[in-house]
């Protein structure tokens, strides 16, 4: 499991299933969270190995979304090697 809950996004890898906090207030969803599978990790300008954005597929509807890394709350399932 992840050792630091505050910086969980640093441990995310492509293929992981993650819990994501909505950036906008929820409309129909009561809790404001959703689950996605990470497709790609995008690094920052200062350090390309420090993730700042993720390309994620929503597991409910298949929509591909780019999210801010800090909206990842928890890693549910890590990618199989």
PDB file of N, CA and C in Angstrom:
ATOM      1  N   UNK A   1       0.833  -1.191   0.000  1.00  0.00           N
ATOM      2  CA  UNK A   1       0.000   0.000   0.000  1.00  0.00           C
ATOM      3  C   UNK A   1       0.868   1.242   0.000  1.00  0.00           C
ATOM      4  N   UNK A   2       0.278   2.366  -0.217  1.00  0.00           N
ATOM      5  CA  UNK A   2       1.001   3.627  -0.312  1.00  0.00           C
ATOM      6  C   UNK A   2       1.375   4.112   1.079  1.00  0.00           C
ATOM      7  N   UNK A   3       2.622   4.580   1.214  1.00  0.00           N
ATOM      8  CA  UNK A   3       3.103   4.981   2.533  1.00  0.00           C
ATOM      9  C   UNK A   3       2.642   6.379   2.942  1.00  0.00           C
ATOM     10  N   UNK A   4       2.409   7.268   1.991  1.00  0.00           N
ATOM     11  CA  UNK A   4       2.017   8.640   2.316  1.00  0.00           C
ATOM     12  C   UNK A   4       0.677   8.963   1.673  1.00  0.00           C
ATOM     13  N   UNK A   5      -0.358   9.095   2.480  1.00  0.00           N
ATOM     14  CA  UNK A   5      -1.692   9.399   1.971  1.00  0.00           C
ATOM     15  C   UNK A   5      -1.753  10.798   1.365  1.00  0.00           C
ATOM     16  N   UNK A   6      -0.907  11.728   1.827  1.00  0.00           N
ATOM     17  CA  UNK A   6      -0.952  13.101   1.337  1.00  0.00           C
ATOM     18  C   UNK A   6      -0.442  13.209  -0.096  1.00  0.00           C
ATOM     19  N   UNK A   7       0.449  12.321  -0.493  1.00  0.00           N
ATOM     20  CA  UNK A   7       1.057  12.391  -1.821  1.00  0.00           C
ATOM     21  C   UNK A   7       0.866  11.085  -2.578  1.00  0.00           C
ATOM     22  N   UNK A   8      -0.323  10.534  -2.529  1.00  0.00           N
ATOM     23  CA  UNK A   8      -0.604   9.255  -3.154  1.00  0.00           C
ATOM     24  C   UNK A   8      -0.386   9.296  -4.657  1.00  0.00           C
ATOM     25  N   UNK A   9      -0.571  10.448  -5.299  1.00  0.00           N
ATOM     26  CA  UNK A   9      -0.439  10.552  -6.748  1.00  0.00           C
ATOM     27  C   UNK A   9       0.993  10.290  -7.222  1.00  0.00           C
ATOM     28  N   UNK A  10       1.968  10.418  -6.335  1.00  0.00           N
ATOM     29  CA  UNK A  10       3.353  10.152  -6.727  1.00  0.00           C
ATOM     30  C   UNK A  10       3.603   8.674  -7.007  1.00  0.00           C
ATOM     31  N   UNK A  11       2.749   7.797  -6.496  1.00  0.00           N
ATOM     32  CA  UNK A  11       2.933   6.362  -6.641  1.00  0.00           C
ATOM     33  C   UNK A  11       2.060   5.748  -7.734  1.00  0.00           C
ATOM     34  N   UNK A  12       1.270   6.564  -8.422  1.00  0.00           N
ATOM     35  CA  UNK A  12       0.361   6.072  -9.463  1.00  0.00           C
ATOM     36  C   UNK A  12       1.151   5.678 -10.701  1.00  0.00           C
ATOM     37  N   UNK A  13       0.736   4.562 -11.319  1.00  0.00           N
ATOM     38  CA  UNK A  13       1.343   4.079 -12.559  1.00  0.00           C
ATOM     39  C   UNK A  13       0.240   3.827 -13.580  1.00  0.00           C
ATOM     40  N   UNK A  14       0.578   3.841 -14.881  1.00  0.00           N
ATOM     41  CA  UNK A  14      -0.431   3.488 -15.888  1.00  0.00           C
ATOM     42  C   UNK A  14      -1.003   2.096 -15.611  1.00  0.00           C
ATOM     43  N   UNK A  15      -2.317   1.969 -15.724  1.00  0.00           N
ATOM     44  CA  UNK A  15      -3.011   0.719 -15.456  1.00  0.00           C
ATOM     45  C   UNK A  15      -3.643   0.648 -14.078  1.00  0.00           C
ATOM     46  N   UNK A  16      -3.239   1.536 -13.161  1.00  0.00           N
ATOM     47  CA  UNK A  16      -3.815   1.559 -11.811  1.00  0.00           C
ATOM     48  C   UNK A  16      -5.268   2.029 -11.854  1.00  0.00           C
ATOM     49  N   UNK A  17      -6.087   1.495 -10.951  1.00  0.00           N
ATOM     50  CA  UNK A  17      -7.447   1.984 -10.730  1.00  0.00           C
ATOM     51  C   UNK A  17      -7.393   2.905  -9.521  1.00  0.00           C
ATOM     52  N   UNK A  18      -7.904   4.126  -9.677  1.00  0.00           N
ATOM     53  CA  UNK A  18      -7.789   5.136  -8.631  1.00  0.00           C
ATOM     54  C   UNK A  18      -9.140   5.784  -8.329  1.00  0.00           C
ATOM     55  N   UNK A  19      -9.276   6.281  -7.101  1.00  0.00           N
ATOM     56  CA  UNK A  19     -10.439   7.070  -6.698  1.00  0.00           C
ATOM     57  C   UNK A  19     -10.089   8.532  -6.940  1.00  0.00           C
ATOM     58  N   UNK A  20     -10.979   9.233  -7.637  1.00  0.00           N
ATOM     59  CA  UNK A  20     -10.728  10.618  -8.035  1.00  0.00           C
ATOM     60  C   UNK A  20     -11.801  11.522  -7.440  1.00  0.00           C
ATOM     61  N   UNK A  21     -11.360  12.618  -6.842  1.00  0.00           N
ATOM     62  CA  UNK A  21     -12.270  13.623  -6.283  1.00  0.00           C
ATOM     63  C   UNK A  21     -12.703  14.545  -7.415  1.00  0.00           C
ATOM     64  N   UNK A  22     -14.005  14.785  -7.535  1.00  0.00           N
ATOM     65  CA  UNK A  22     -14.506  15.724  -8.549  1.00  0.00           C
ATOM     66  C   UNK A  22     -13.942  17.109  -8.287  1.00  0.00           C
ATOM     67  N   UNK A  23     -13.518  17.781  -9.349  1.00  0.00           N
ATOM     68  CA  UNK A  23     -13.031  19.146  -9.217  1.00  0.00           C
ATOM     69  C   UNK A  23     -14.188  20.132  -9.135  1.00  0.00           C
ATOM     70  N   UNK A  24     -15.337  19.750  -9.716  1.00  0.00           N
ATOM     71  CA  UNK A  24     -16.542  20.580  -9.672  1.00  0.00           C
ATOM     72  C   UNK A  24     -17.495  19.991  -8.637  1.00  0.00           C
ATOM     73  N   UNK A  25     -18.371  20.807  -8.060  1.00  0.00           N
ATOM     74  CA  UNK A  25     -19.364  20.268  -7.129  1.00  0.00           C
ATOM     75  C   UNK A  25     -20.242  19.224  -7.828  1.00  0.00           C
ATOM     76  N   UNK A  26     -20.552  18.116  -7.152  1.00  0.00           N
ATOM     77  CA  UNK A  26     -21.353  17.054  -7.778  1.00  0.00           C
ATOM     78  C   UNK A  26     -22.782  17.501  -8.061  1.00  0.00           C
ATOM     79  N   UNK A  27     -23.316  17.010  -9.193  1.00  0.00           N
ATOM     80  CA  UNK A  27     -24.710  17.288  -9.533  1.00  0.00           C
ATOM     81  C   UNK A  27     -25.590  16.103  -9.136  1.00  0.00           C
ATOM     82  N   UNK A  28     -25.343  14.959  -9.771  1.00  0.00           N
ATOM     83  CA  UNK A  28     -26.153  13.774  -9.474  1.00  0.00           C
ATOM     84  C   UNK A  28     -25.483  12.863  -8.462  1.00  0.00           C
ATOM     85  N   UNK A  29     -24.163  12.891  -8.416  1.00  0.00           N
ATOM     86  CA  UNK A  29     -23.405  12.019  -7.523  1.00  0.00           C
ATOM     87  C   UNK A  29     -23.364  12.646  -6.131  1.00  0.00           C
ATOM     88  N   UNK A  30     -23.793  11.924  -5.132  1.00  0.00           N
ATOM     89  CA  UNK A  30     -23.877  12.468  -3.780  1.00  0.00           C
ATOM     90  C   UNK A  30     -22.517  12.665  -3.127  1.00  0.00           C
ATOM     91  N   UNK A  31     -21.552  11.781  -3.406  1.00  0.00           N
ATOM     92  CA  UNK A  31     -20.288  11.858  -2.673  1.00  0.00           C
ATOM     93  C   UNK A  31     -19.187  12.629  -3.394  1.00  0.00           C
ATOM     94  N   UNK A  32     -19.296  12.886  -4.687  1.00  0.00           N
ATOM     95  CA  UNK A  32     -18.312  13.681  -5.395  1.00  0.00           C
ATOM     96  C   UNK A  32     -17.048  12.942  -5.783  1.00  0.00           C
ATOM     97  N   UNK A  33     -17.083  11.608  -5.794  1.00  0.00           N
ATOM     98  CA  UNK A  33     -15.926  10.813  -6.170  1.00  0.00           C
ATOM     99  C   UNK A  33     -16.292   9.877  -7.314  1.00  0.00           C
ATOM    100  N   UNK A  34     -15.297   9.457  -8.088  1.00  0.00           N
ATOM    101  CA  UNK A  34     -15.506   8.475  -9.131  1.00  0.00           C
ATOM    102  C   UNK A  34     -14.227   7.647  -9.290  1.00  0.00           C
ATOM    103  N   UNK A  35     -14.332   6.534 -10.010  1.00  0.00           N
ATOM    104  CA  UNK A  35     -13.203   5.619 -10.176  1.00  0.00           C
ATOM    105  C   UNK A  35     -12.765   5.632 -11.633  1.00  0.00           C
ATOM    106  N   UNK A  36     -11.466   5.679 -11.831  1.00  0.00           N
ATOM    107  CA  UNK A  36     -10.923   5.677 -13.174  1.00  0.00           C
ATOM    108  C   UNK A  36      -9.697   4.787 -13.275  1.00  0.00           C
ATOM    109  N   UNK A  37      -9.383   4.393 -14.502  1.00  0.00           N
ATOM    110  CA  UNK A  37      -8.167   3.634 -14.767  1.00  0.00           C
ATOM    111  C   UNK A  37      -7.181   4.554 -15.469  1.00  0.00           C
ATOM    112  N   UNK A  38      -5.976   4.640 -14.934  1.00  0.00           N
ATOM    113  CA  UNK A  38      -4.965   5.536 -15.471  1.00  0.00           C
ATOM    114  C   UNK A  38      -4.429   4.969 -16.780  1.00  0.00           C
ATOM    115  N   UNK A  39      -4.449   5.801 -17.813  1.00  0.00           N
ATOM    116  CA  UNK A  39      -3.928   5.419 -19.123  1.00  0.00           C
ATOM    117  C   UNK A  39      -2.502   5.924 -19.293  1.00  0.00           C
ATOM    118  N   UNK A  40      -2.273   7.182 -18.885  1.00  0.00           N
ATOM    119  CA  UNK A  40      -0.972   7.804 -19.083  1.00  0.00           C
ATOM    120  C   UNK A  40      -0.691   8.767 -17.939  1.00  0.00           C
ATOM    121  N   UNK A  41       0.585   8.854 -17.533  1.00  0.00           N
ATOM    122  CA  UNK A  41       1.021   9.795 -16.507  1.00  0.00           C
ATOM    123  C   UNK A  41       1.850  10.876 -17.183  1.00  0.00           C
ATOM    124  N   UNK A  42       1.535  12.131 -16.900  1.00  0.00           N
ATOM    125  CA  UNK A  42       2.187  13.258 -17.559  1.00  0.00           C
ATOM    126  C   UNK A  42       2.990  14.023 -16.510  1.00  0.00           C
ATOM    127  N   UNK A  43       4.288  14.182 -16.765  1.00  0.00           N
ATOM    128  CA  UNK A  43       5.178  14.842 -15.823  1.00  0.00           C
ATOM    129  C   UNK A  43       5.142  16.346 -15.936  1.00  0.00           C
ATOM    130  N   UNK A  44       5.713  16.986 -14.928  1.00  0.00           N
ATOM    131  CA  UNK A  44       5.761  18.440 -14.894  1.00  0.00           C
ATOM    132  C   UNK A  44       6.949  18.996 -15.661  1.00  0.00           C
ATOM    133  N   UNK A  45       6.999  20.300 -15.815  1.00  0.00           N
ATOM    134  CA  UNK A  45       8.067  20.960 -16.558  1.00  0.00           C
ATOM    135  C   UNK A  45       9.397  20.898 -15.806  1.00  0.00           C
ATOM    136  N   UNK A  46       9.351  21.025 -14.493  1.00  0.00           N
ATOM    137  CA  UNK A  46      10.587  21.015 -13.708  1.00  0.00           C
ATOM    138  C   UNK A  46      11.135  19.613 -13.510  1.00  0.00           C
ATOM    139  N   UNK A  47      10.236  18.644 -13.337  1.00  0.00           N
ATOM    140  CA  UNK A  47      10.670  17.263 -13.146  1.00  0.00           C
ATOM    141  C   UNK A  47       9.724  16.357 -13.916  1.00  0.00           C
ATOM    142  N   UNK A  48      10.145  15.843 -15.062  1.00  0.00           N
ATOM    143  CA  UNK A  48       9.267  15.012 -15.885  1.00  0.00           C
ATOM    144  C   UNK A  48       8.843  13.708 -15.214  1.00  0.00           C
ATOM    145  N   UNK A  49       9.534  13.292 -14.144  1.00  0.00           N
ATOM    146  CA  UNK A  49       9.176  12.063 -13.431  1.00  0.00           C
ATOM    147  C   UNK A  49       8.248  12.310 -12.251  1.00  0.00           C
ATOM    148  N   UNK A  50       7.868  13.552 -12.022  1.00  0.00           N
ATOM    149  CA  UNK A  50       6.912  13.905 -10.977  1.00  0.00           C
ATOM    150  C   UNK A  50       5.583  14.231 -11.655  1.00  0.00           C
ATOM    151  N   UNK A  51       4.580  13.372 -11.450  1.00  0.00           N
ATOM    152  CA  UNK A  51       3.313  13.487 -12.179  1.00  0.00           C
ATOM    153  C   UNK A  51       2.524  14.722 -11.773  1.00  0.00           C
ATOM    154  N   UNK A  52       2.042  15.443 -12.787  1.00  0.00           N
ATOM    155  CA  UNK A  52       1.168  16.587 -12.533  1.00  0.00           C
ATOM    156  C   UNK A  52      -0.214  16.381 -13.151  1.00  0.00           C
ATOM    157  N   UNK A  53      -0.312  15.557 -14.191  1.00  0.00           N
ATOM    158  CA  UNK A  53      -1.578  15.259 -14.856  1.00  0.00           C
ATOM    159  C   UNK A  53      -1.665  13.760 -15.133  1.00  0.00           C
ATOM    160  N   UNK A  54      -2.902  13.258 -15.168  1.00  0.00           N
ATOM    161  CA  UNK A  54      -3.155  11.872 -15.559  1.00  0.00           C
ATOM    162  C   UNK A  54      -4.220  11.847 -16.641  1.00  0.00           C
ATOM    163  N   UNK A  55      -4.014  10.980 -17.624  1.00  0.00           N
ATOM    164  CA  UNK A  55      -5.059  10.688 -18.597  1.00  0.00           C
ATOM    165  C   UNK A  55      -5.762   9.450 -18.053  1.00  0.00           C
ATOM    166  N   UNK A  56      -7.065   9.571 -17.806  1.00  0.00           N
ATOM    167  CA  UNK A  56      -7.818   8.540 -17.088  1.00  0.00           C
ATOM    168  C   UNK A  56      -9.075   8.160 -17.864  1.00  0.00           C
ATOM    169  N   UNK A  57      -9.416   6.878 -17.832  1.00  0.00           N
ATOM    170  CA  UNK A  57     -10.676   6.396 -18.405  1.00  0.00           C
ATOM    171  C   UNK A  57     -11.663   6.179 -17.262  1.00  0.00           C
ATOM    172  N   UNK A  58     -12.812   6.840 -17.314  1.00  0.00           N
ATOM    173  CA  UNK A  58     -13.881   6.651 -16.331  1.00  0.00           C
ATOM    174  C   UNK A  58     -14.411   5.230 -16.499  1.00  0.00           C
ATOM    175  N   UNK A  59     -14.396   4.422 -15.429  1.00  0.00           N
ATOM    176  CA  UNK A  59     -14.805   3.019 -15.571  1.00  0.00           C
ATOM    177  C   UNK A  59     -16.306   2.858 -15.737  1.00  0.00           C
ATOM    178  N   UNK A  60     -17.087   3.886 -15.430  1.00  0.00           N
ATOM    179  CA  UNK A  60     -18.539   3.796 -15.583  1.00  0.00           C
ATOM    180  C   UNK A  60     -18.990   4.011 -17.028  1.00  0.00           C
ATOM    181  N   UNK A  61     -18.384   4.991 -17.709  1.00  0.00           N
ATOM    182  CA  UNK A  61     -18.866   5.323 -19.051  1.00  0.00           C
ATOM    183  C   UNK A  61     -17.786   5.291 -20.128  1.00  0.00           C
ATOM    184  N   UNK A  62     -16.524   5.025 -19.767  1.00  0.00           N
ATOM    185  CA  UNK A  62     -15.450   4.922 -20.738  1.00  0.00           C
ATOM    186  C   UNK A  62     -14.891   6.243 -21.223  1.00  0.00           C
ATOM    187  N   UNK A  63     -15.387   7.347 -20.696  1.00  0.00           N
ATOM    188  CA  UNK A  63     -14.924   8.665 -21.117  1.00  0.00           C
ATOM    189  C   UNK A  63     -13.460   8.858 -20.727  1.00  0.00           C
ATOM    190  N   UNK A  64     -12.647   9.394 -21.656  1.00  0.00           N
ATOM    191  CA  UNK A  64     -11.242   9.675 -21.405  1.00  0.00           C
ATOM    192  C   UNK A  64     -11.119  11.128 -20.961  1.00  0.00           C
ATOM    193  N   UNK A  65     -10.481  11.340 -19.800  1.00  0.00           N
ATOM    194  CA  UNK A  65     -10.395  12.670 -19.199  1.00  0.00           C
ATOM    195  C   UNK A  65      -8.957  12.898 -18.739  1.00  0.00           C
ATOM    196  N   UNK A  66      -8.479  14.128 -18.849  1.00  0.00           N
ATOM    197  CA  UNK A  66      -7.198  14.498 -18.255  1.00  0.00           C
ATOM    198  C   UNK A  66      -7.502  15.228 -16.956  1.00  0.00           C
ATOM    199  N   UNK A  67      -6.903  14.738 -15.859  1.00  0.00           N
ATOM    200  CA  UNK A  67      -7.176  15.293 -14.534  1.00  0.00           C
ATOM    201  C   UNK A  67      -5.885  15.794 -13.893  1.00  0.00           C
ATOM    202  N   UNK A  68      -6.010  16.681 -12.926  1.00  0.00           N
ATOM    203  CA  UNK A  68      -4.876  17.107 -12.110  1.00  0.00           C
ATOM    204  C   UNK A  68      -4.488  15.965 -11.180  1.00  0.00           C
ATOM    205  N   UNK A  69      -3.211  15.748 -11.006  1.00  0.00           N
ATOM    206  CA  UNK A  69      -2.729  14.634 -10.195  1.00  0.00           C
ATOM    207  C   UNK A  69      -3.206  14.718  -8.748  1.00  0.00           C
ATOM    208  N   UNK A  70      -3.347  15.924  -8.217  1.00  0.00           N
ATOM    209  CA  UNK A  70      -3.725  16.054  -6.806  1.00  0.00           C
ATOM    210  C   UNK A  70      -5.188  15.719  -6.525  1.00  0.00           C
ATOM    211  N   UNK A  71      -5.989  15.425  -7.554  1.00  0.00           N
ATOM    212  CA  UNK A  71      -7.367  15.003  -7.317  1.00  0.00           C
ATOM    213  C   UNK A  71      -7.471  13.497  -7.060  1.00  0.00           C
ATOM    214  N   UNK A  72      -6.360  12.768  -7.208  1.00  0.00           N
ATOM    215  CA  UNK A  72      -6.356  11.336  -6.902  1.00  0.00           C
ATOM    216  C   UNK A  72      -6.316  11.172  -5.390  1.00  0.00           C
ATOM    217  N   UNK A  73      -7.320  10.495  -4.855  1.00  0.00           N
ATOM    218  CA  UNK A  73      -7.442  10.312  -3.407  1.00  0.00           C
ATOM    219  C   UNK A  73      -6.821   9.004  -2.915  1.00  0.00           C
ATOM    220  N   UNK A  74      -6.920   7.946  -3.725  1.00  0.00           N
ATOM    221  CA  UNK A  74      -6.458   6.634  -3.274  1.00  0.00           C
ATOM    222  C   UNK A  74      -6.244   5.730  -4.482  1.00  0.00           C
ATOM    223  N   UNK A  75      -5.271   4.837  -4.363  1.00  0.00           N
ATOM    224  CA  UNK A  75      -5.067   3.794  -5.363  1.00  0.00           C
ATOM    225  C   UNK A  75      -5.852   2.566  -4.895  1.00  0.00           C
ATOM    226  N   UNK A  76      -6.824   2.130  -5.713  1.00  0.00           N
ATOM    227  CA  UNK A  76      -7.635   0.959  -5.347  1.00  0.00           C
ATOM    228  C   UNK A  76      -6.966  -0.341  -5.750  1.00  0.00           C
ATOM    229  N   UNK A  77      -6.443  -0.368  -6.964  1.00  0.00           N
ATOM    230  CA  UNK A  77      -5.837  -1.588  -7.495  1.00  0.00           C
ATOM    231  C   UNK A  77      -4.655  -1.174  -8.362  1.00  0.00           C
ATOM    232  N   UNK A  78      -3.495  -1.777  -8.077  1.00  0.00           N
ATOM    233  CA  UNK A  78      -2.318  -1.452  -8.863  1.00  0.00           C
ATOM    234  C   UNK A  78      -2.304  -2.280 -10.143  1.00  0.00           C
ATOM    235  N   UNK A  79      -1.554  -1.796 -11.125  1.00  0.00           N
ATOM    236  CA  UNK A  79      -1.448  -2.474 -12.413  1.00  0.00           C
ATOM    237  C   UNK A  79      -0.697  -3.796 -12.233  1.00  0.00           C
ATOM    238  N   UNK A  80      -1.119  -4.797 -12.988  1.00  0.00           N
ATOM    239  CA  UNK A  80      -0.434  -6.083 -12.971  1.00  0.00           C
ATOM    240  C   UNK A  80       0.818  -5.969 -13.814  1.00  0.00           C
ATOM    241  N   UNK A  81       1.932  -6.517 -13.335  1.00  0.00           N
ATOM    242  CA  UNK A  81       3.191  -6.468 -14.106  1.00  0.00           C
ATOM    243  C   UNK A  81       3.331  -7.691 -14.953  1.00  0.00           C
TER     244      UNK A  81
END
